[in-house]
Amino acid sequence: MNRYEKSKAKYEQSKRYLAGGVASSLRTAMKPVPLFAQSGKGSKVVDVDGNTYIDYLLAYGPLILGHANPALTDALHEAMQKGITFGLQHEGEIEAAKRLTELLPCADKAVLSGSGTEAVMLALRLARAYTGRTKVVRFHGHYHGWSDSIFTAFPSADMRASAAAAGGGSGVQPGTGGQSELSLQDVILLPWNDSDALLEALEAHGDEIAAIISEPVMCNSGCIAPRPGYLELVRAETERRGIVFIMDEVITGFRLGLSGAHGRFGIRPDLVTIGKAMGSGIAVSGVAGSAKLMKLIEDGTVSHLGTLNGNGVATAAVLATIAELSKNEGAAYNVMEDTTQGLVAGLRALLKKHGKSGIINHAGGPVFHFMFTEEEAVEDFASFNKRDSAAYSRFAEEMLAEGVLVRPNGLWYVSAVHSAEDVEATLQAADAALGRLPG
């Protein structure tokens, strides 16, 4: 019997009604077939064929408490009994926003929305309204959602020369079909971690730039850490030039710590976008930041819209997640850090054992990137693009056969409920999977 027989049948059925057969295009990357889930509990997920997997996909990051955490599900059930959403204000909104302002160093006030894409859209509008400028600096390999105004394709070659181009948006290509190139005419695309390129762009366009938006760690493309002093330079230059510094913490917020990456690194941006782990799988995101910027929402200069913003289920998820992660002075983060360190060390040892050229980038916290590459280090997007993505996709498929679910692009997430036993079983699976790879 085929191990994925029912998933394959479900996929064919799905394609009859659901465009592409999946609800998010990323899921088509899974080989040999996009899995169909049946249930999840703790660190494990079960597919419709009855196969159980140790889960490091974690729904692409949100499940920091694992699947079906009892405290979370109890809180959600209680909230639903009162009414899922009202289109009116309720106590949960106050409490969720209050906790965000208490935990996030940059937050005087916060607002809630539904997705990371929406949060970024709002942050960019706030920056443009506040400065009266239009251009936005973003970086190769960073992901800020898929709205027209920020979603770009990334060229394989370094395009530093285009950074100071007079048009600002020169060389910036849409990230998808159907996206107007005109929507990106105010985007300046730069290599990240390159101080010289940043300073050149600021000298050329500083009085036109409304915002610089950056992930604090380049999680989506290699888990690359900022070079020493780089984020500090961004913060100093944006303050000096009256540019809004937006830190996109949709991934790192509540994953690298209760205070986010900006708290961990001691950098205070003007605005921060948050999501994913904040709701442990419930659709919720937010923007938090300085009072002077948030005032633009209060006085109606910038509209903040969304029928389901701050609904009772979303705010219950935020409060339950924060409560669980806050227990025993944030002990869950120590557990996740230890678990991740053990997993990373074990995988590195297995690469050496099997004579495979690879790198595991771990910039701290329960997230890391595993890649096959001949590079000695992967510290920028150009070197990340030299990885053997086909080899890793094959490895992910072999891991699936061994009962371990990992994202096909190499990004691993660890939850608060992954155990030492999970790590041991994962390393055994990786040992077998690496042994079956060619070369």
Protein backbone atom coordinates (compact mmCIF):
# COMPACT_ATOMS: atom_id res chain seq x y z
CA MET A 1 0.00 0.00 0.00
CA ASN A 2 1.27 3.45 -0.87
CA ARG A 3 2.19 5.38 2.27
CA TYR A 4 0.46 8.52 0.94
CA GLU A 5 -2.40 6.89 -0.97
CA LYS A 6 -5.21 8.83 0.73
CA SER A 7 -3.35 12.14 0.58
CA LYS A 8 -2.85 11.62 -3.15
CA ALA A 9 -6.52 10.84 -3.61
CA LYS A 10 -7.54 13.87 -1.54
CA TYR A 11 -5.21 16.07 -3.58
CA GLU A 12 -6.80 14.95 -6.83
CA GLN A 13 -10.26 15.52 -5.34
CA SER A 14 -9.23 18.93 -4.04
CA LYS A 15 -7.99 20.06 -7.45
CA ARG A 16 -11.53 19.61 -8.80
CA TYR A 17 -12.85 22.37 -6.54
CA LEU A 18 -9.97 24.31 -4.98
CA ALA A 19 -7.76 26.21 -7.42
CA GLY A 20 -4.38 24.48 -7.40
CA GLY A 21 -5.64 21.92 -4.92
CA VAL A 22 -4.16 23.82 -1.96
CA ALA A 23 -5.23 26.89 0.03
CA SER A 24 -1.73 28.44 -0.10
CA SER A 25 0.61 28.08 -3.08
CA LEU A 26 3.60 27.22 -0.86
CA ARG A 27 2.09 23.84 -0.03
CA THR A 28 2.57 22.51 -3.55
CA ALA A 29 6.31 22.28 -2.82
CA MET A 30 5.81 19.24 -0.57
CA LYS A 31 6.94 15.98 -2.17
CA PRO A 32 5.80 13.40 -3.08
CA VAL A 33 2.40 15.03 -2.51
CA PRO A 34 0.97 17.83 -0.37
CA LEU A 35 -0.08 16.04 2.80
CA PHE A 36 -3.65 16.16 4.07
CA ALA A 37 -3.79 16.36 7.85
CA GLN A 38 -6.22 14.47 10.03
CA SER A 39 -5.25 15.68 13.49
CA GLY A 40 -2.45 17.08 15.61
CA LYS A 41 -1.47 16.86 19.25
CA GLY A 42 1.59 18.29 20.92
CA SER A 43 4.63 17.92 18.67
CA LYS A 44 2.95 15.38 16.39
CA VAL A 45 0.64 15.57 13.39
CA VAL A 46 -1.26 12.67 11.80
CA ASP A 47 -2.17 12.56 8.10
CA VAL A 48 -5.25 11.01 6.50
CA ASP A 49 -3.28 7.81 5.81
CA GLY A 50 -2.68 7.41 9.54
CA ASN A 51 1.03 8.29 9.38
CA THR A 52 2.33 10.15 12.44
CA TYR A 53 5.05 12.78 12.06
CA ILE A 54 7.20 14.79 14.44
CA ASP A 55 6.26 18.24 13.19
CA TYR A 56 8.87 20.94 12.53
CA LEU A 57 6.72 22.69 9.92
CA LEU A 58 4.38 23.89 12.69
CA ALA A 59 1.94 25.42 10.19
CA TYR A 60 4.83 27.55 8.80
CA GLY A 61 5.66 28.92 12.21
CA PRO A 62 2.60 29.84 14.31
CA LEU A 63 2.35 26.70 16.47
CA ILE A 64 4.83 27.71 19.17
CA LEU A 65 2.74 25.80 21.75
CA GLY A 66 2.40 22.77 19.49
CA HIS A 67 -0.86 21.28 18.28
CA ALA A 68 -4.07 21.53 20.33
CA ASN A 69 -2.48 23.01 23.45
CA PRO A 70 -5.07 22.44 26.23
CA ALA A 71 -4.79 25.93 27.74
CA LEU A 72 -5.23 27.48 24.30
CA THR A 73 -8.14 25.28 23.23
CA ASP A 74 -9.91 25.85 26.56
CA ALA A 75 -9.52 29.62 26.16
CA LEU A 76 -10.82 29.47 22.59
CA HIS A 77 -13.80 27.34 23.59
CA GLU A 78 -14.68 29.74 26.40
CA ALA A 79 -14.42 32.72 24.04
CA MET A 80 -16.61 31.07 21.39
CA GLN A 81 -19.32 30.39 23.95
CA LYS A 82 -19.61 34.17 24.46
CA GLY A 83 -19.76 34.95 20.74
CA ILE A 84 -17.07 34.72 18.10
CA THR A 85 -17.18 38.26 16.79
CA PHE A 86 -19.40 41.27 17.35
CA GLY A 87 -18.33 44.22 15.24
CA LEU A 88 -18.30 45.92 18.64
CA GLN A 89 -15.57 46.54 21.19
CA HIS A 90 -14.95 44.03 23.96
CA GLU A 91 -12.67 43.48 26.92
CA GLY A 92 -10.38 41.09 25.07
CA GLU A 93 -9.16 43.84 22.76
CA ILE A 94 -8.13 46.00 25.68
CA GLU A 95 -6.34 43.17 27.45
CA ALA A 96 -4.52 41.95 24.33
CA ALA A 97 -3.32 45.45 23.39
CA LYS A 98 -2.32 46.10 27.01
CA ARG A 99 -0.16 42.96 27.11
CA LEU A 100 1.51 43.90 23.83
CA THR A 101 2.44 47.34 25.12
CA GLU A 102 3.79 45.77 28.32
CA LEU A 103 5.96 43.22 26.52
CA LEU A 104 7.21 44.95 23.38
CA PRO A 105 9.80 47.67 24.17
CA CYS A 106 8.88 49.83 21.17
CA ALA A 107 5.14 49.77 21.82
CA ASP A 108 3.34 52.75 23.25
CA LYS A 109 0.14 51.51 21.62
CA ALA A 110 -0.94 48.61 19.42
CA VAL A 111 -3.65 47.67 16.93
CA LEU A 112 -4.86 44.24 15.85
CA SER A 113 -5.42 42.86 12.37
CA GLY A 114 -5.82 39.48 10.70
CA SER A 115 -2.59 38.58 8.89
CA GLY A 116 1.02 39.57 8.59
CA THR A 117 0.35 40.98 5.13
CA GLU A 118 -2.30 43.31 6.55
CA ALA A 119 -0.02 44.41 9.39
CA VAL A 120 2.73 45.37 6.95
CA MET A 121 0.26 47.26 4.75
CA LEU A 122 -0.81 49.33 7.76
CA ALA A 123 2.75 49.97 8.95
CA LEU A 124 3.77 51.26 5.51
CA ARG A 125 0.76 53.56 5.36
CA LEU A 126 1.56 54.94 8.78
CA ALA A 127 5.14 55.62 7.69
CA ARG A 128 4.09 57.39 4.50
CA ALA A 129 1.43 59.46 6.23
CA TYR A 130 3.80 60.46 9.02
CA THR A 131 6.71 61.47 6.80
CA GLY A 132 4.84 62.74 3.75
CA ARG A 133 7.25 60.68 1.65
CA THR A 134 6.59 57.68 -0.60
CA LYS A 135 9.68 55.49 -1.08
CA VAL A 136 10.35 52.36 0.95
CA VAL A 137 13.64 50.49 1.35
CA ARG A 138 13.36 46.73 1.58
CA PHE A 139 15.91 43.93 1.27
CA HIS A 140 16.65 40.90 -0.90
CA GLY A 141 15.38 37.68 0.67
CA HIS A 142 13.09 39.31 3.23
CA TYR A 143 9.38 38.56 3.13
CA HIS A 144 6.76 41.12 4.13
CA GLY A 145 3.58 39.52 2.85
CA TRP A 146 2.20 39.45 -0.66
CA SER A 147 0.45 42.79 -1.07
CA ASP A 148 1.14 44.61 -4.35
CA SER A 149 3.11 47.44 -2.78
CA ILE A 150 5.86 45.31 -1.19
CA PHE A 151 5.91 41.81 -2.77
CA THR A 152 8.94 41.57 -5.06
CA ALA A 153 10.83 38.98 -7.01
CA PHE A 154 14.50 38.60 -6.10
CA PRO A 155 17.18 38.49 -8.80
CA SER A 156 19.82 35.81 -8.47
CA ALA A 157 22.69 38.24 -8.96
CA ASP A 158 23.55 41.02 -6.56
CA MET A 159 21.88 44.23 -7.69
CA ARG A 160 23.67 46.69 -5.52
CA ALA A 161 24.23 48.99 -8.49
CA SER A 162 20.48 49.48 -8.80
CA ALA A 163 20.19 50.63 -5.20
CA ALA A 164 21.15 54.21 -5.96
CA ALA A 165 19.40 54.34 -9.32
CA ALA A 166 17.55 57.57 -9.91
CA GLY A 167 14.24 55.80 -10.35
CA GLY A 168 14.42 54.14 -6.93
CA GLY A 169 12.32 51.20 -8.15
CA SER A 170 14.70 50.44 -11.01
CA GLY A 171 15.17 46.69 -11.39
CA VAL A 172 12.41 45.80 -8.93
CA GLN A 173 10.18 43.11 -10.38
CA PRO A 174 6.75 41.91 -9.21
CA GLY A 175 6.63 38.79 -7.10
CA THR A 176 3.66 37.28 -8.92
CA GLY A 177 1.69 37.42 -12.11
CA GLY A 178 -1.14 39.93 -12.07
CA GLN A 179 0.80 42.41 -9.95
CA SER A 180 1.25 45.84 -11.45
CA GLU A 181 4.87 46.94 -11.83
CA LEU A 182 3.66 50.45 -11.02
CA SER A 183 2.82 49.28 -7.51
CA LEU A 184 6.54 48.82 -6.85
CA GLN A 185 7.81 52.08 -8.31
CA ASP A 186 8.49 53.43 -4.80
CA VAL A 187 10.42 50.36 -3.62
CA ILE A 188 14.21 50.48 -3.32
CA LEU A 189 15.55 46.92 -3.15
CA LEU A 190 18.90 46.48 -1.40
CA PRO A 191 21.19 43.65 -0.30
CA TRP A 192 20.80 43.13 3.44
CA ASN A 193 23.73 43.32 5.85
CA ASP A 194 25.55 45.61 3.37
CA SER A 195 26.23 48.89 5.15
CA ASP A 196 27.81 50.56 2.13
CA ALA A 197 24.81 49.83 -0.10
CA LEU A 198 22.47 51.18 2.57
CA LEU A 199 24.41 54.40 3.00
CA GLU A 200 24.63 54.94 -0.77
CA ALA A 201 20.86 54.57 -1.13
CA LEU A 202 20.23 56.92 1.78
CA GLU A 203 22.53 59.53 0.30
CA ALA A 204 20.76 59.29 -3.06
CA HIS A 205 17.16 59.14 -1.82
CA GLY A 206 17.15 60.01 1.88
CA ASP A 207 14.67 62.88 1.58
CA GLU A 208 12.25 60.68 -0.41
CA ILE A 209 12.28 57.62 1.84
CA ALA A 210 9.34 57.11 4.19
CA ALA A 211 10.45 53.80 5.72
CA ILE A 212 13.04 51.09 5.91
CA ILE A 213 11.43 47.72 6.58
CA SER A 214 13.53 44.75 7.67
CA GLU A 215 13.27 41.40 9.35
CA PRO A 216 15.58 41.49 12.41
CA VAL A 217 16.85 38.05 11.35
CA MET A 218 16.50 37.02 7.71
CA CYS A 219 14.41 34.00 8.65
CA ASN A 220 12.76 33.30 5.32
CA SER A 221 16.05 33.04 3.43
CA GLY A 222 18.65 31.29 5.51
CA CYS A 223 18.04 32.42 9.11
CA ILE A 224 20.84 34.92 8.59
CA ALA A 225 21.74 37.05 11.59
CA PRO A 226 22.42 40.76 11.29
CA ARG A 227 26.12 41.58 11.15
CA PRO A 228 27.43 43.32 14.28
CA GLY A 229 26.36 46.94 14.21
CA TYR A 230 24.12 46.64 11.14
CA LEU A 231 20.73 47.09 12.80
CA GLU A 232 22.25 49.78 14.98
CA LEU A 233 23.33 51.59 11.80
CA VAL A 234 19.82 51.32 10.36
CA ARG A 235 18.37 52.72 13.56
CA ALA A 236 20.86 55.60 13.76
CA GLU A 237 20.47 56.60 10.12
CA THR A 238 16.67 56.46 10.15
CA GLU A 239 16.54 58.62 13.27
CA ARG A 240 18.98 61.10 11.77
CA ARG A 241 17.06 61.37 8.50
CA GLY A 242 13.50 61.29 9.82
CA ILE A 243 12.78 57.87 8.26
CA VAL A 244 10.45 55.38 9.95
CA PHE A 245 12.18 52.13 10.89
CA ILE A 246 9.76 49.19 10.65
CA MET A 247 10.91 45.87 12.06
CA ASP A 248 8.91 43.00 10.61
CA GLU A 249 8.60 40.51 13.45
CA VAL A 250 5.77 38.42 12.04
CA ILE A 251 8.12 35.42 12.42
CA THR A 252 10.46 36.49 15.23
CA GLY A 253 7.88 38.19 17.44
CA PHE A 254 7.12 35.86 20.40
CA ARG A 255 9.45 33.25 18.88
CA LEU A 256 12.76 34.85 19.81
CA GLY A 257 11.35 35.98 23.14
CA LEU A 258 8.39 37.71 24.76
CA SER A 259 9.92 41.06 23.86
CA GLY A 260 10.55 40.01 20.26
CA ALA A 261 13.85 40.19 18.44
CA HIS A 262 14.01 43.95 18.95
CA GLY A 263 13.91 43.40 22.70
CA ARG A 264 16.47 40.62 22.47
CA PHE A 265 18.83 42.74 20.37
CA GLY A 266 18.22 45.99 22.22
CA ILE A 267 17.04 47.87 19.11
CA ARG A 268 13.94 50.06 19.29
CA PRO A 269 12.20 50.50 15.92
CA ASP A 270 9.43 53.03 15.34
CA LEU A 271 6.96 50.30 14.38
CA VAL A 272 6.90 46.54 14.68
CA THR A 273 4.64 44.07 12.89
CA ILE A 274 3.74 40.87 14.72
CA GLY A 275 1.79 37.70 13.96
CA LYS A 276 2.24 33.92 13.58
CA ALA A 277 3.37 32.72 17.05
CA MET A 278 1.37 35.48 18.73
CA GLY A 279 -1.84 33.55 18.06
CA SER A 280 -0.57 29.95 18.10
CA GLY A 281 -2.40 29.14 14.87
CA ILE A 282 -5.37 31.50 15.09
CA ALA A 283 -5.40 34.22 12.43
CA VAL A 284 -4.24 37.38 14.18
CA SER A 285 -1.57 40.00 13.68
CA GLY A 286 -0.79 43.47 14.87
CA VAL A 287 1.18 46.66 14.57
CA ALA A 288 2.74 48.26 17.63
CA GLY A 289 4.88 51.33 17.98
CA SER A 290 5.41 54.88 19.08
CA ALA A 291 2.54 57.12 20.14
CA LYS A 292 3.40 59.74 17.50
CA LEU A 293 2.83 57.23 14.70
CA MET A 294 -0.16 55.47 16.25
CA LYS A 295 -1.82 58.86 16.69
CA LEU A 296 -2.41 58.88 12.93
CA ILE A 297 -4.93 56.08 13.44
CA GLU A 298 -6.53 57.84 16.38
CA ASP A 299 -7.11 61.10 14.49
CA GLY A 300 -8.37 59.35 11.34
CA THR A 301 -5.46 60.30 9.10
CA VAL A 302 -4.79 56.60 8.43
CA SER A 303 -7.72 54.21 8.23
CA HIS A 304 -7.39 50.91 10.04
CA LEU A 305 -10.09 48.62 8.70
CA GLY A 306 -11.04 44.96 8.91
CA THR A 307 -14.35 43.30 9.78
CA LEU A 308 -12.72 40.65 11.97
CA ASN A 309 -10.00 42.79 13.57
CA GLY A 310 -9.70 42.04 17.27
CA ASN A 311 -12.43 39.41 17.30
CA GLY A 312 -13.03 37.46 20.50
CA VAL A 313 -11.37 34.25 19.32
CA ALA A 314 -8.24 36.07 18.10
CA THR A 315 -7.77 38.05 21.30
CA ALA A 316 -8.36 34.95 23.41
CA ALA A 317 -5.61 33.21 21.43
CA VAL A 318 -3.20 36.10 21.97
CA LEU A 319 -3.84 36.21 25.72
CA ALA A 320 -3.65 32.42 26.17
CA THR A 321 -0.42 32.20 24.15
CA ILE A 322 1.25 35.00 26.09
CA ALA A 323 0.10 33.47 29.39
CA GLU A 324 1.60 30.10 28.50
CA LEU A 325 4.88 31.56 27.27
CA SER A 326 5.13 33.80 30.34
CA LYS A 327 4.83 31.01 32.90
CA ASN A 328 7.75 30.58 35.29
CA GLU A 329 9.44 33.73 34.00
CA GLY A 330 9.40 32.53 30.41
CA ALA A 331 10.86 29.09 31.11
CA ALA A 332 9.42 27.80 27.81
CA TYR A 333 12.04 29.81 25.94
CA ASN A 334 14.88 28.12 27.82
CA VAL A 335 13.37 24.75 26.99
CA MET A 336 12.99 25.63 23.31
CA GLU A 337 16.51 27.04 23.14
CA ASP A 338 17.98 23.86 24.68
CA THR A 339 15.90 21.64 22.40
CA THR A 340 16.94 23.59 19.32
CA GLN A 341 20.61 23.66 20.28
CA GLY A 342 20.58 19.88 20.72
CA LEU A 343 18.84 19.34 17.41
CA VAL A 344 21.19 21.68 15.52
CA ALA A 345 24.31 20.12 17.07
CA GLY A 346 23.07 16.64 16.20
CA LEU A 347 22.26 17.54 12.59
CA ARG A 348 25.67 19.16 12.13
CA ALA A 349 27.34 16.01 13.45
CA LEU A 350 25.32 13.90 10.99
CA LEU A 351 26.36 16.10 8.05
CA LYS A 352 29.96 15.44 9.02
CA LYS A 353 29.35 11.72 9.51
CA HIS A 354 27.85 11.35 6.03
CA GLY A 355 30.36 13.64 4.35
CA LYS A 356 27.70 16.07 3.18
CA SER A 357 28.48 19.71 2.53
CA GLY A 358 25.91 21.70 4.43
CA ILE A 359 25.26 24.55 6.81
CA ILE A 360 22.75 25.05 9.59
CA ASN A 361 22.20 28.71 10.39
CA HIS A 362 20.82 29.27 13.87
CA ALA A 363 20.69 32.89 14.98
CA GLY A 364 19.06 32.04 18.31
CA GLY A 365 15.59 30.99 19.36
CA PRO A 366 13.55 28.00 18.19
CA VAL A 367 14.03 28.49 14.44
CA PHE A 368 16.92 27.55 12.12
CA HIS A 369 17.70 26.94 8.45
CA PHE A 370 19.28 23.72 7.14
CA MET A 371 20.79 23.79 3.65
CA PHE A 372 23.14 21.80 1.45
CA THR A 373 25.85 24.08 0.09
CA GLU A 374 29.53 24.22 -0.76
CA GLU A 375 29.78 27.70 0.76
CA GLU A 376 31.85 28.03 3.93
CA ALA A 377 29.30 30.43 5.37
CA VAL A 378 25.90 31.79 4.33
CA GLU A 379 25.72 35.38 5.54
CA ASP A 380 23.88 37.09 2.68
CA PHE A 381 21.19 36.42 0.10
CA ALA A 382 23.68 35.88 -2.72
CA SER A 383 25.40 33.02 -0.88
CA PHE A 384 22.03 31.62 0.23
CA ASN A 385 21.02 31.35 -3.44
CA LYS A 386 23.98 29.02 -4.07
CA ARG A 387 22.50 26.27 -1.91
CA ASP A 388 21.39 22.97 -3.51
CA SER A 389 17.66 23.36 -3.03
CA ALA A 390 16.89 20.20 -5.02
CA ALA A 391 19.04 18.10 -2.68
CA TYR A 392 17.28 19.53 0.35
CA SER A 393 13.86 18.90 -1.18
CA ARG A 394 14.91 15.26 -1.63
CA PHE A 395 16.09 15.17 1.99
CA ALA A 396 12.73 16.56 3.18
CA GLU A 397 10.96 13.82 1.23
CA GLU A 398 13.18 11.16 2.82
CA MET A 399 12.51 12.65 6.27
CA LEU A 400 8.79 12.41 5.60
CA ALA A 401 9.21 8.71 4.91
CA GLU A 402 10.99 8.45 8.27
CA GLY A 403 8.13 10.14 10.12
CA VAL A 404 9.47 13.69 10.38
CA LEU A 405 7.71 16.65 8.78
CA VAL A 406 9.99 19.51 7.71
CA ARG A 407 9.46 22.42 5.36
CA PRO A 408 10.89 21.69 1.88
CA ASN A 409 12.85 24.97 1.81
CA GLY A 410 14.96 24.11 4.87
CA LEU A 411 13.39 26.32 7.55
CA TRP A 412 12.73 24.42 10.80
CA TYR A 413 10.52 25.56 13.69
CA VAL A 414 10.68 24.10 17.21
CA SER A 415 7.82 24.33 19.70
CA ALA A 416 7.61 24.43 23.48
CA VAL A 417 6.43 20.79 23.49
CA HIS A 418 9.16 19.17 21.39
CA SER A 419 10.93 16.77 23.72
CA ALA A 420 14.35 15.17 24.08
CA GLU A 421 12.75 11.99 22.75
CA ASP A 422 11.57 13.88 19.68
CA VAL A 423 15.10 15.15 19.08
CA GLU A 424 16.56 11.65 19.40
CA ALA A 425 13.98 10.22 16.98
CA THR A 426 14.54 13.10 14.57
CA LEU A 427 18.30 12.56 14.52
CA GLN A 428 17.80 8.86 13.89
CA ALA A 429 15.52 9.74 10.98
CA ALA A 430 18.03 12.25 9.63
CA ASP A 431 20.79 9.66 9.87
CA ALA A 432 18.76 7.28 7.70
CA ALA A 433 17.64 10.01 5.28
CA LEU A 434 21.16 11.37 4.77
CA GLY A 435 22.38 7.84 4.17
CA ARG A 436 19.97 7.48 1.26
CA LEU A 437 20.93 10.74 -0.46
CA PRO A 438 23.15 10.35 -3.55
CA GLY A 439 26.70 11.69 -3.60
